[in-house]
PDB file of N, CA and C in Angstrom:
ATOM      1  N   UNK A   1     -15.162  -2.400 -15.435  1.00  0.00           N
ATOM      2  CA  UNK A   1     -14.338  -1.669 -14.504  1.00  0.00           C
ATOM      3  C   UNK A   1     -15.012  -0.327 -14.217  1.00  0.00           C
ATOM      4  N   UNK A   2     -15.026   0.088 -12.964  1.00  0.00           N
ATOM      5  CA  UNK A   2     -15.650   1.361 -12.613  1.00  0.00           C
ATOM      6  C   UNK A   2     -14.618   2.472 -12.629  1.00  0.00           C
ATOM      7  N   UNK A   3     -15.038   3.681 -12.980  1.00  0.00           N
ATOM      8  CA  UNK A   3     -14.079   4.797 -12.993  1.00  0.00           C
ATOM      9  C   UNK A   3     -13.521   5.059 -11.595  1.00  0.00           C
ATOM     10  N   UNK A   4     -12.279   5.445 -11.545  1.00  0.00           N
ATOM     11  CA  UNK A   4     -11.626   5.818 -10.295  1.00  0.00           C
ATOM     12  C   UNK A   4     -12.284   7.084  -9.766  1.00  0.00           C
ATOM     13  N   UNK A   5     -12.688   7.081  -8.533  1.00  0.00           N
ATOM     14  CA  UNK A   5     -13.430   8.216  -7.985  1.00  0.00           C
ATOM     15  C   UNK A   5     -12.588   9.473  -7.840  1.00  0.00           C
ATOM     16  N   UNK A   6     -11.271   9.346  -7.713  1.00  0.00           N
ATOM     17  CA  UNK A   6     -10.443  10.538  -7.566  1.00  0.00           C
ATOM     18  C   UNK A   6     -10.054  11.152  -8.900  1.00  0.00           C
ATOM     19  N   UNK A   7      -9.789  10.328  -9.897  1.00  0.00           N
ATOM     20  CA  UNK A   7      -9.305  10.853 -11.170  1.00  0.00           C
ATOM     21  C   UNK A   7     -10.356  10.824 -12.260  1.00  0.00           C
ATOM     22  N   UNK A   8     -11.413  10.057 -12.074  1.00  0.00           N
ATOM     23  CA  UNK A   8     -12.419   9.915 -13.117  1.00  0.00           C
ATOM     24  C   UNK A   8     -11.966   8.970 -14.212  1.00  0.00           C
ATOM     25  N   UNK A   9     -10.831   8.340 -14.046  1.00  0.00           N
ATOM     26  CA  UNK A   9     -10.260   7.458 -15.058  1.00  0.00           C
ATOM     27  C   UNK A   9     -10.856   6.061 -14.955  1.00  0.00           C
ATOM     28  N   UNK A  10     -10.910   5.376 -16.075  1.00  0.00           N
ATOM     29  CA  UNK A  10     -11.360   3.988 -16.095  1.00  0.00           C
ATOM     30  C   UNK A  10     -10.229   3.036 -15.717  1.00  0.00           C
ATOM     31  N   UNK A  11      -9.017   3.549 -15.690  1.00  0.00           N
ATOM     32  CA  UNK A  11      -7.854   2.718 -15.416  1.00  0.00           C
ATOM     33  C   UNK A  11      -7.456   2.854 -13.950  1.00  0.00           C
ATOM     34  N   UNK A  12      -7.107   1.746 -13.333  1.00  0.00           N
ATOM     35  CA  UNK A  12      -6.656   1.848 -11.939  1.00  0.00           C
ATOM     36  C   UNK A  12      -5.344   2.615 -11.863  1.00  0.00           C
ATOM     37  N   UNK A  13      -5.200   3.423 -10.833  1.00  0.00           N
ATOM     38  CA  UNK A  13      -3.966   4.182 -10.661  1.00  0.00           C
ATOM     39  C   UNK A  13      -2.854   3.277 -10.161  1.00  0.00           C
ATOM     40  N   UNK A  14      -1.647   3.523 -10.659  1.00  0.00           N
ATOM     41  CA  UNK A  14      -0.479   2.796 -10.176  1.00  0.00           C
ATOM     42  C   UNK A  14      -0.101   3.353  -8.805  1.00  0.00           C
ATOM     43  N   UNK A  15       0.347   2.509  -7.897  1.00  0.00           N
ATOM     44  CA  UNK A  15       0.783   3.026  -6.599  1.00  0.00           C
ATOM     45  C   UNK A  15       2.009   3.914  -6.764  1.00  0.00           C
ATOM     46  N   UNK A  16       2.123   4.908  -5.914  1.00  0.00           N
ATOM     47  CA  UNK A  16       3.300   5.784  -5.945  1.00  0.00           C
ATOM     48  C   UNK A  16       4.533   4.979  -5.539  1.00  0.00           C
ATOM     49  N   UNK A  17       5.622   5.243  -6.246  1.00  0.00           N
ATOM     50  CA  UNK A  17       6.897   4.588  -5.963  1.00  0.00           C
ATOM     51  C   UNK A  17       7.675   5.476  -5.000  1.00  0.00           C
ATOM     52  N   UNK A  18       8.024   4.937  -3.859  1.00  0.00           N
ATOM     53  CA  UNK A  18       8.659   5.721  -2.807  1.00  0.00           C
ATOM     54  C   UNK A  18      10.087   5.272  -2.539  1.00  0.00           C
ATOM     55  N   UNK A  19      10.926   6.253  -2.264  1.00  0.00           N
ATOM     56  CA  UNK A  19      12.282   6.013  -1.784  1.00  0.00           C
ATOM     57  C   UNK A  19      12.309   6.461  -0.332  1.00  0.00           C
ATOM     58  N   UNK A  20      12.743   5.583   0.540  1.00  0.00           N
ATOM     59  CA  UNK A  20      12.917   5.954   1.943  1.00  0.00           C
ATOM     60  C   UNK A  20      14.334   6.496   2.096  1.00  0.00           C
ATOM     61  N   UNK A  21      14.420   7.674   2.721  1.00  0.00           N
ATOM     62  CA  UNK A  21      15.730   8.267   2.982  1.00  0.00           C
ATOM     63  C   UNK A  21      15.948   8.352   4.486  1.00  0.00           C
ATOM     64  N   UNK A  22      17.064   7.796   4.930  1.00  0.00           N
ATOM     65  CA  UNK A  22      17.421   7.744   6.344  1.00  0.00           C
ATOM     66  C   UNK A  22      18.727   8.499   6.534  1.00  0.00           C
ATOM     67  N   UNK A  23      18.739   9.377   7.527  1.00  0.00           N
ATOM     68  CA  UNK A  23      20.000  10.052   7.875  1.00  0.00           C
ATOM     69  C   UNK A  23      20.127  10.072   9.395  1.00  0.00           C
ATOM     70  N   UNK A  24      21.319   9.714   9.845  1.00  0.00           N
ATOM     71  CA  UNK A  24      21.655   9.792  11.262  1.00  0.00           C
ATOM     72  C   UNK A  24      22.984  10.509  11.350  1.00  0.00           C
ATOM     73  N   UNK A  25      23.010  11.654  12.038  1.00  0.00           N
ATOM     74  CA  UNK A  25      24.255  12.415  12.097  1.00  0.00           C
ATOM     75  C   UNK A  25      25.326  11.785  12.968  1.00  0.00           C
ATOM     76  N   UNK A  26      24.927  11.192  14.083  1.00  0.00           N
ATOM     77  CA  UNK A  26      25.904  10.580  14.984  1.00  0.00           C
ATOM     78  C   UNK A  26      25.519   9.129  15.210  1.00  0.00           C
ATOM     79  N   UNK A  27      25.714   8.319  14.218  1.00  0.00           N
ATOM     80  CA  UNK A  27      25.267   6.928  14.265  1.00  0.00           C
ATOM     81  C   UNK A  27      25.919   6.153  15.415  1.00  0.00           C
ATOM     82  N   UNK A  28      27.176   6.409  15.676  1.00  0.00           N
ATOM     83  CA  UNK A  28      27.886   5.642  16.710  1.00  0.00           C
ATOM     84  C   UNK A  28      27.675   6.213  18.111  1.00  0.00           C
ATOM     85  N   UNK A  29      27.059   7.373  18.208  1.00  0.00           N
ATOM     86  CA  UNK A  29      26.797   7.989  19.504  1.00  0.00           C
ATOM     87  C   UNK A  29      25.744   7.166  20.242  1.00  0.00           C
ATOM     88  N   UNK A  30      26.085   6.671  21.412  1.00  0.00           N
ATOM     89  CA  UNK A  30      25.156   5.811  22.132  1.00  0.00           C
ATOM     90  C   UNK A  30      23.888   6.535  22.561  1.00  0.00           C
ATOM     91  N   UNK A  31      23.903   7.873  22.521  1.00  0.00           N
ATOM     92  CA  UNK A  31      22.713   8.640  22.884  1.00  0.00           C
ATOM     93  C   UNK A  31      21.791   8.880  21.687  1.00  0.00           C
ATOM     94  N   UNK A  32      22.213   8.455  20.515  1.00  0.00           N
ATOM     95  CA  UNK A  32      21.382   8.650  19.315  1.00  0.00           C
ATOM     96  C   UNK A  32      20.081   7.884  19.477  1.00  0.00           C
ATOM     97  N   UNK A  33      18.975   8.595  19.382  1.00  0.00           N
ATOM     98  CA  UNK A  33      17.677   7.978  19.625  1.00  0.00           C
ATOM     99  C   UNK A  33      16.872   7.755  18.345  1.00  0.00           C
ATOM    100  N   UNK A  34      17.377   8.243  17.233  1.00  0.00           N
ATOM    101  CA  UNK A  34      16.645   8.108  15.976  1.00  0.00           C
ATOM    102  C   UNK A  34      17.396   7.102  15.102  1.00  0.00           C
ATOM    103  N   UNK A  35      17.309   5.855  15.468  1.00  0.00           N
ATOM    104  CA  UNK A  35      18.073   4.819  14.772  1.00  0.00           C
ATOM    105  C   UNK A  35      17.573   4.663  13.333  1.00  0.00           C
ATOM    106  N   UNK A  36      18.433   4.143  12.469  1.00  0.00           N
ATOM    107  CA  UNK A  36      17.998   3.860  11.099  1.00  0.00           C
ATOM    108  C   UNK A  36      16.795   2.925  11.077  1.00  0.00           C
ATOM    109  N   UNK A  37      16.788   1.922  11.947  1.00  0.00           N
ATOM    110  CA  UNK A  37      15.683   0.967  11.979  1.00  0.00           C
ATOM    111  C   UNK A  37      14.355   1.644  12.338  1.00  0.00           C
ATOM    112  N   UNK A  38      14.395   2.543  13.309  1.00  0.00           N
ATOM    113  CA  UNK A  38      13.187   3.283  13.692  1.00  0.00           C
ATOM    114  C   UNK A  38      12.662   4.099  12.513  1.00  0.00           C
ATOM    115  N   UNK A  39      13.562   4.784  11.814  1.00  0.00           N
ATOM    116  CA  UNK A  39      13.169   5.607  10.677  1.00  0.00           C
ATOM    117  C   UNK A  39      12.576   4.760   9.549  1.00  0.00           C
ATOM    118  N   UNK A  40      13.223   3.634   9.252  1.00  0.00           N
ATOM    119  CA  UNK A  40      12.750   2.760   8.173  1.00  0.00           C
ATOM    120  C   UNK A  40      11.388   2.166   8.522  1.00  0.00           C
ATOM    121  N   UNK A  41      11.233   1.701   9.745  1.00  0.00           N
ATOM    122  CA  UNK A  41       9.947   1.130  10.167  1.00  0.00           C
ATOM    123  C   UNK A  41       8.825   2.147  10.050  1.00  0.00           C
ATOM    124  N   UNK A  42       9.067   3.374  10.505  1.00  0.00           N
ATOM    125  CA  UNK A  42       8.036   4.413  10.440  1.00  0.00           C
ATOM    126  C   UNK A  42       7.673   4.735   8.987  1.00  0.00           C
ATOM    127  N   UNK A  43       8.670   4.821   8.117  1.00  0.00           N
ATOM    128  CA  UNK A  43       8.410   5.123   6.703  1.00  0.00           C
ATOM    129  C   UNK A  43       7.687   3.968   6.021  1.00  0.00           C
ATOM    130  N   UNK A  44       8.068   2.736   6.343  1.00  0.00           N
ATOM    131  CA  UNK A  44       7.366   1.577   5.774  1.00  0.00           C
ATOM    132  C   UNK A  44       5.908   1.551   6.210  1.00  0.00           C
ATOM    133  N   UNK A  45       5.637   1.900   7.459  1.00  0.00           N
ATOM    134  CA  UNK A  45       4.267   1.958   7.959  1.00  0.00           C
ATOM    135  C   UNK A  45       3.460   2.987   7.188  1.00  0.00           C
ATOM    136  N   UNK A  46       4.042   4.162   6.975  1.00  0.00           N
ATOM    137  CA  UNK A  46       3.368   5.213   6.203  1.00  0.00           C
ATOM    138  C   UNK A  46       3.110   4.755   4.773  1.00  0.00           C
ATOM    139  N   UNK A  47       4.118   4.166   4.139  1.00  0.00           N
ATOM    140  CA  UNK A  47       3.969   3.701   2.759  1.00  0.00           C
ATOM    141  C   UNK A  47       2.839   2.683   2.645  1.00  0.00           C
ATOM    142  N   UNK A  48       2.798   1.751   3.574  1.00  0.00           N
ATOM    143  CA  UNK A  48       1.746   0.732   3.550  1.00  0.00           C
ATOM    144  C   UNK A  48       0.367   1.377   3.727  1.00  0.00           C
ATOM    145  N   UNK A  49       0.274   2.279   4.686  1.00  0.00           N
ATOM    146  CA  UNK A  49      -1.007   2.939   4.951  1.00  0.00           C
ATOM    147  C   UNK A  49      -1.500   3.739   3.741  1.00  0.00           C
ATOM    148  N   UNK A  50      -0.569   4.345   3.013  1.00  0.00           N
ATOM    149  CA  UNK A  50      -0.921   5.187   1.870  1.00  0.00           C
ATOM    150  C   UNK A  50      -0.931   4.435   0.539  1.00  0.00           C
ATOM    151  N   UNK A  51      -0.670   3.141   0.570  1.00  0.00           N
ATOM    152  CA  UNK A  51      -0.692   2.340  -0.650  1.00  0.00           C
ATOM    153  C   UNK A  51       0.487   2.591  -1.577  1.00  0.00           C
ATOM    154  N   UNK A  52       1.625   2.973  -1.015  1.00  0.00           N
ATOM    155  CA  UNK A  52       2.831   3.222  -1.805  1.00  0.00           C
ATOM    156  C   UNK A  52       3.684   1.960  -1.861  1.00  0.00           C
ATOM    157  N   UNK A  53       4.526   1.888  -2.876  1.00  0.00           N
ATOM    158  CA  UNK A  53       5.475   0.787  -3.025  1.00  0.00           C
ATOM    159  C   UNK A  53       6.868   1.353  -2.773  1.00  0.00           C
ATOM    160  N   UNK A  54       7.550   0.821  -1.780  1.00  0.00           N
ATOM    161  CA  UNK A  54       8.916   1.259  -1.486  1.00  0.00           C
ATOM    162  C   UNK A  54       9.853   0.567  -2.469  1.00  0.00           C
ATOM    163  N   UNK A  55      10.557   1.377  -3.267  1.00  0.00           N
ATOM    164  CA  UNK A  55      11.448   0.817  -4.278  1.00  0.00           C
ATOM    165  C   UNK A  55      12.914   0.849  -3.859  1.00  0.00           C
ATOM    166  N   UNK A  56      13.222   1.629  -2.816  1.00  0.00           N
ATOM    167  CA  UNK A  56      14.612   1.714  -2.380  1.00  0.00           C
ATOM    168  C   UNK A  56      14.674   2.342  -0.994  1.00  0.00           C
ATOM    169  N   UNK A  57      15.724   2.015  -0.268  1.00  0.00           N
ATOM    170  CA  UNK A  57      16.018   2.637   1.017  1.00  0.00           C
ATOM    171  C   UNK A  57      17.457   3.106   0.932  1.00  0.00           C
ATOM    172  N   UNK A  58      17.653   4.420   1.053  1.00  0.00           N
ATOM    173  CA  UNK A  58      18.999   4.988   1.004  1.00  0.00           C
ATOM    174  C   UNK A  58      19.334   5.552   2.371  1.00  0.00           C
ATOM    175  N   UNK A  59      20.558   5.297   2.823  1.00  0.00           N
ATOM    176  CA  UNK A  59      20.961   5.737   4.147  1.00  0.00           C
ATOM    177  C   UNK A  59      22.253   6.535   4.088  1.00  0.00           C
ATOM    178  N   UNK A  60      22.275   7.616   4.854  1.00  0.00           N
ATOM    179  CA  UNK A  60      23.485   8.388   5.084  1.00  0.00           C
ATOM    180  C   UNK A  60      23.715   8.380   6.584  1.00  0.00           C
ATOM    181  N   UNK A  61      24.743   7.687   7.021  1.00  0.00           N
ATOM    182  CA  UNK A  61      25.044   7.582   8.438  1.00  0.00           C
ATOM    183  C   UNK A  61      26.269   8.429   8.753  1.00  0.00           C
ATOM    184  N   UNK A  62      26.221   9.110   9.880  1.00  0.00           N
ATOM    185  CA  UNK A  62      27.313   9.982  10.325  1.00  0.00           C
ATOM    186  C   UNK A  62      27.502  11.198   9.424  1.00  0.00           C
ATOM    187  N   UNK A  63      26.421  11.700   8.840  1.00  0.00           N
ATOM    188  CA  UNK A  63      26.531  12.872   7.972  1.00  0.00           C
ATOM    189  C   UNK A  63      25.608  13.981   8.442  1.00  0.00           C
ATOM    190  N   UNK A  64      26.112  15.199   8.373  1.00  0.00           N
ATOM    191  CA  UNK A  64      25.335  16.372   8.771  1.00  0.00           C
ATOM    192  C   UNK A  64      24.186  16.611   7.801  1.00  0.00           C
ATOM    193  N   UNK A  65      23.126  17.227   8.306  1.00  0.00           N
ATOM    194  CA  UNK A  65      21.983  17.553   7.459  1.00  0.00           C
ATOM    195  C   UNK A  65      22.051  18.944   6.877  1.00  0.00           C
ATOM    196  N   UNK A  66      23.157  19.658   7.103  1.00  0.00           N
ATOM    197  CA  UNK A  66      23.235  21.049   6.665  1.00  0.00           C
ATOM    198  C   UNK A  66      23.283  21.186   5.150  1.00  0.00           C
ATOM    199  N   UNK A  67      24.059  20.348   4.488  1.00  0.00           N
ATOM    200  CA  UNK A  67      24.211  20.457   3.036  1.00  0.00           C
ATOM    201  C   UNK A  67      23.942  19.111   2.372  1.00  0.00           C
ATOM    202  N   UNK A  68      23.505  19.147   1.115  1.00  0.00           N
ATOM    203  CA  UNK A  68      23.248  17.927   0.367  1.00  0.00           C
ATOM    204  C   UNK A  68      24.539  17.289  -0.141  1.00  0.00           C
ATOM    205  N   UNK A  69      25.608  18.062  -0.241  1.00  0.00           N
ATOM    206  CA  UNK A  69      26.865  17.529  -0.762  1.00  0.00           C
ATOM    207  C   UNK A  69      27.294  16.313   0.052  1.00  0.00           C
ATOM    208  N   UNK A  70      27.802  15.326  -0.619  1.00  0.00           N
ATOM    209  CA  UNK A  70      28.282  14.076  -0.025  1.00  0.00           C
ATOM    210  C   UNK A  70      27.158  13.194   0.503  1.00  0.00           C
ATOM    211  N   UNK A  71      25.923  13.558   0.261  1.00  0.00           N
ATOM    212  CA  UNK A  71      24.807  12.722   0.700  1.00  0.00           C
ATOM    213  C   UNK A  71      24.074  12.196  -0.532  1.00  0.00           C
ATOM    214  N   UNK A  72      23.179  11.264  -0.326  1.00  0.00           N
ATOM    215  CA  UNK A  72      22.476  10.617  -1.432  1.00  0.00           C
ATOM    216  C   UNK A  72      21.234  11.382  -1.890  1.00  0.00           C
ATOM    217  N   UNK A  73      21.035  12.563  -1.351  1.00  0.00           N
ATOM    218  CA  UNK A  73      19.864  13.360  -1.697  1.00  0.00           C
ATOM    219  C   UNK A  73      19.857  13.708  -3.184  1.00  0.00           C
ATOM    220  N   UNK A  74      21.014  14.045  -3.734  1.00  0.00           N
ATOM    221  CA  UNK A  74      21.102  14.372  -5.164  1.00  0.00           C
ATOM    222  C   UNK A  74      20.596  13.206  -6.016  1.00  0.00           C
ATOM    223  N   UNK A  75      20.959  11.994  -5.645  1.00  0.00           N
ATOM    224  CA  UNK A  75      20.519  10.796  -6.370  1.00  0.00           C
ATOM    225  C   UNK A  75      18.993  10.664  -6.320  1.00  0.00           C
ATOM    226  N   UNK A  76      18.425  10.923  -5.156  1.00  0.00           N
ATOM    227  CA  UNK A  76      16.968  10.843  -5.007  1.00  0.00           C
ATOM    228  C   UNK A  76      16.284  11.869  -5.902  1.00  0.00           C
ATOM    229  N   UNK A  77      16.779  13.101  -5.880  1.00  0.00           N
ATOM    230  CA  UNK A  77      16.199  14.172  -6.697  1.00  0.00           C
ATOM    231  C   UNK A  77      16.263  13.800  -8.178  1.00  0.00           C
ATOM    232  N   UNK A  78      17.387  13.287  -8.621  1.00  0.00           N
ATOM    233  CA  UNK A  78      17.542  12.894 -10.027  1.00  0.00           C
ATOM    234  C   UNK A  78      16.578  11.770 -10.403  1.00  0.00           C
ATOM    235  N   UNK A  79      16.421  10.802  -9.539  1.00  0.00           N
ATOM    236  CA  UNK A  79      15.513   9.683  -9.830  1.00  0.00           C
ATOM    237  C   UNK A  79      14.065  10.171  -9.949  1.00  0.00           C
ATOM    238  N   UNK A  80      13.684  11.107  -9.116  1.00  0.00           N
ATOM    239  CA  UNK A  80      12.327  11.664  -9.205  1.00  0.00           C
ATOM    240  C   UNK A  80      12.185  12.486 -10.487  1.00  0.00           C
ATOM    241  N   UNK A  81      13.191  13.292 -10.815  1.00  0.00           N
ATOM    242  CA  UNK A  81      13.154  14.081 -12.059  1.00  0.00           C
ATOM    243  C   UNK A  81      13.034  13.179 -13.285  1.00  0.00           C
ATOM    244  N   UNK A  82      13.732  12.033 -13.281  1.00  0.00           N
ATOM    245  CA  UNK A  82      13.711  11.108 -14.423  1.00  0.00           C
ATOM    246  C   UNK A  82      12.460  10.229 -14.443  1.00  0.00           C
ATOM    247  N   UNK A  83      11.597  10.378 -13.443  1.00  0.00           N
ATOM    248  CA  UNK A  83      10.365   9.591 -13.412  1.00  0.00           C
ATOM    249  C   UNK A  83      10.560   8.171 -12.904  1.00  0.00           C
ATOM    250  N   UNK A  84      11.672   7.900 -12.252  1.00  0.00           N
ATOM    251  CA  UNK A  84      11.957   6.559 -11.724  1.00  0.00           C
ATOM    252  C   UNK A  84      11.356   6.354 -10.331  1.00  0.00           C
ATOM    253  N   UNK A  85      10.968   7.447  -9.679  1.00  0.00           N
ATOM    254  CA  UNK A  85      10.330   7.401  -8.354  1.00  0.00           C
ATOM    255  C   UNK A  85       9.377   8.583  -8.277  1.00  0.00           C
ATOM    256  N   UNK A  86       8.425   8.488  -7.353  1.00  0.00           N
ATOM    257  CA  UNK A  86       7.423   9.547  -7.229  1.00  0.00           C
ATOM    258  C   UNK A  86       7.581  10.387  -5.968  1.00  0.00           C
ATOM    259  N   UNK A  87       7.975   9.748  -4.872  1.00  0.00           N
ATOM    260  CA  UNK A  87       8.064  10.464  -3.595  1.00  0.00           C
ATOM    261  C   UNK A  87       9.267   9.984  -2.796  1.00  0.00           C
ATOM    262  N   UNK A  88       9.686  10.832  -1.867  1.00  0.00           N
ATOM    263  CA  UNK A  88      10.709  10.447  -0.898  1.00  0.00           C
ATOM    264  C   UNK A  88      10.041  10.494   0.476  1.00  0.00           C
ATOM    265  N   UNK A  89      10.280   9.446   1.259  1.00  0.00           N
ATOM    266  CA  UNK A  89       9.725   9.378   2.605  1.00  0.00           C
ATOM    267  C   UNK A  89      10.856   9.542   3.604  1.00  0.00           C
ATOM    268  N   UNK A  90      10.636  10.415   4.581  1.00  0.00           N
ATOM    269  CA  UNK A  90      11.600  10.622   5.657  1.00  0.00           C
ATOM    270  C   UNK A  90      10.863  10.554   6.986  1.00  0.00           C
ATOM    271  N   UNK A  91      11.575  10.134   8.007  1.00  0.00           N
ATOM    272  CA  UNK A  91      10.984  10.024   9.333  1.00  0.00           C
ATOM    273  C   UNK A  91      10.540  11.391   9.834  1.00  0.00           C
ATOM    274  N   UNK A  92      11.347  12.394   9.595  1.00  0.00           N
ATOM    275  CA  UNK A  92      11.050  13.777   9.958  1.00  0.00           C
ATOM    276  C   UNK A  92      11.851  14.650   9.002  1.00  0.00           C
ATOM    277  N   UNK A  93      11.320  15.833   8.703  1.00  0.00           N
ATOM    278  CA  UNK A  93      11.989  16.718   7.729  1.00  0.00           C
ATOM    279  C   UNK A  93      13.453  16.927   8.080  1.00  0.00           C
ATOM    280  N   UNK A  94      13.795  17.003   9.362  1.00  0.00           N
ATOM    281  CA  UNK A  94      15.179  17.240   9.771  1.00  0.00           C
ATOM    282  C   UNK A  94      16.119  16.144   9.274  1.00  0.00           C
ATOM    283  N   UNK A  95      15.594  14.954   8.933  1.00  0.00           N
ATOM    284  CA  UNK A  95      16.441  13.893   8.393  1.00  0.00           C
ATOM    285  C   UNK A  95      16.850  14.209   6.965  1.00  0.00           C
ATOM    286  N   UNK A  96      15.983  14.912   6.221  1.00  0.00           N
ATOM    287  CA  UNK A  96      16.299  15.285   4.834  1.00  0.00           C
ATOM    288  C   UNK A  96      17.278  16.444   4.819  1.00  0.00           C
ATOM    289  N   UNK A  97      17.046  17.422   5.657  1.00  0.00           N
ATOM    290  CA  UNK A  97      17.925  18.566   5.759  1.00  0.00           C
ATOM    291  C   UNK A  97      17.529  19.440   6.937  1.00  0.00           C
ATOM    292  N   UNK A  98      18.501  20.060   7.524  1.00  0.00           N
ATOM    293  CA  UNK A  98      18.241  20.884   8.702  1.00  0.00           C
ATOM    294  C   UNK A  98      17.333  22.051   8.410  1.00  0.00           C
ATOM    295  N   UNK A  99      17.542  22.688   7.270  1.00  0.00           N
ATOM    296  CA  UNK A  99      16.824  23.908   6.935  1.00  0.00           C
ATOM    297  C   UNK A  99      16.577  23.883   5.435  1.00  0.00           C
ATOM    298  N   UNK A 100      15.347  24.115   5.023  1.00  0.00           N
ATOM    299  CA  UNK A 100      15.000  24.034   3.597  1.00  0.00           C
ATOM    300  C   UNK A 100      15.830  24.984   2.753  1.00  0.00           C
ATOM    301  N   UNK A 101      16.195  26.128   3.282  1.00  0.00           N
ATOM    302  CA  UNK A 101      16.970  27.090   2.483  1.00  0.00           C
ATOM    303  C   UNK A 101      18.454  26.730   2.447  1.00  0.00           C
ATOM    304  N   UNK A 102      18.959  26.034   3.465  1.00  0.00           N
ATOM    305  CA  UNK A 102      20.383  25.662   3.495  1.00  0.00           C
ATOM    306  C   UNK A 102      20.641  24.313   2.840  1.00  0.00           C
ATOM    307  N   UNK A 103      19.663  23.477   2.747  1.00  0.00           N
ATOM    308  CA  UNK A 103      19.849  22.122   2.200  1.00  0.00           C
ATOM    309  C   UNK A 103      19.800  22.158   0.689  1.00  0.00           C
ATOM    310  N   UNK A 104      20.870  22.631   0.103  1.00  0.00           N
ATOM    311  CA  UNK A 104      20.915  22.730  -1.362  1.00  0.00           C
ATOM    312  C   UNK A 104      22.268  22.342  -1.884  1.00  0.00           C
TER     313      UNK A 104
END
């Protein structure tokens, strides 16, 4: 086995475990252009391109991005802290939260 060129390790690196997070604030609004399917497809494409394994897809439909309360973001953070996942994939940062300082 040859050493991994990025880490210098003799062991192959495990693929990163990714959670896809989808949020749509107005899911039933016919003008909503960022459908859950569009977000999931884009994240799956990124995961495949980067060699990641998608372990879960969590969706919050009809919920504001202003605060994490009542959304599944807390669950994602806990899973990453516990080492059960490595990254969260979102279609665009605004899907995770409107503002990094307010999304807490």
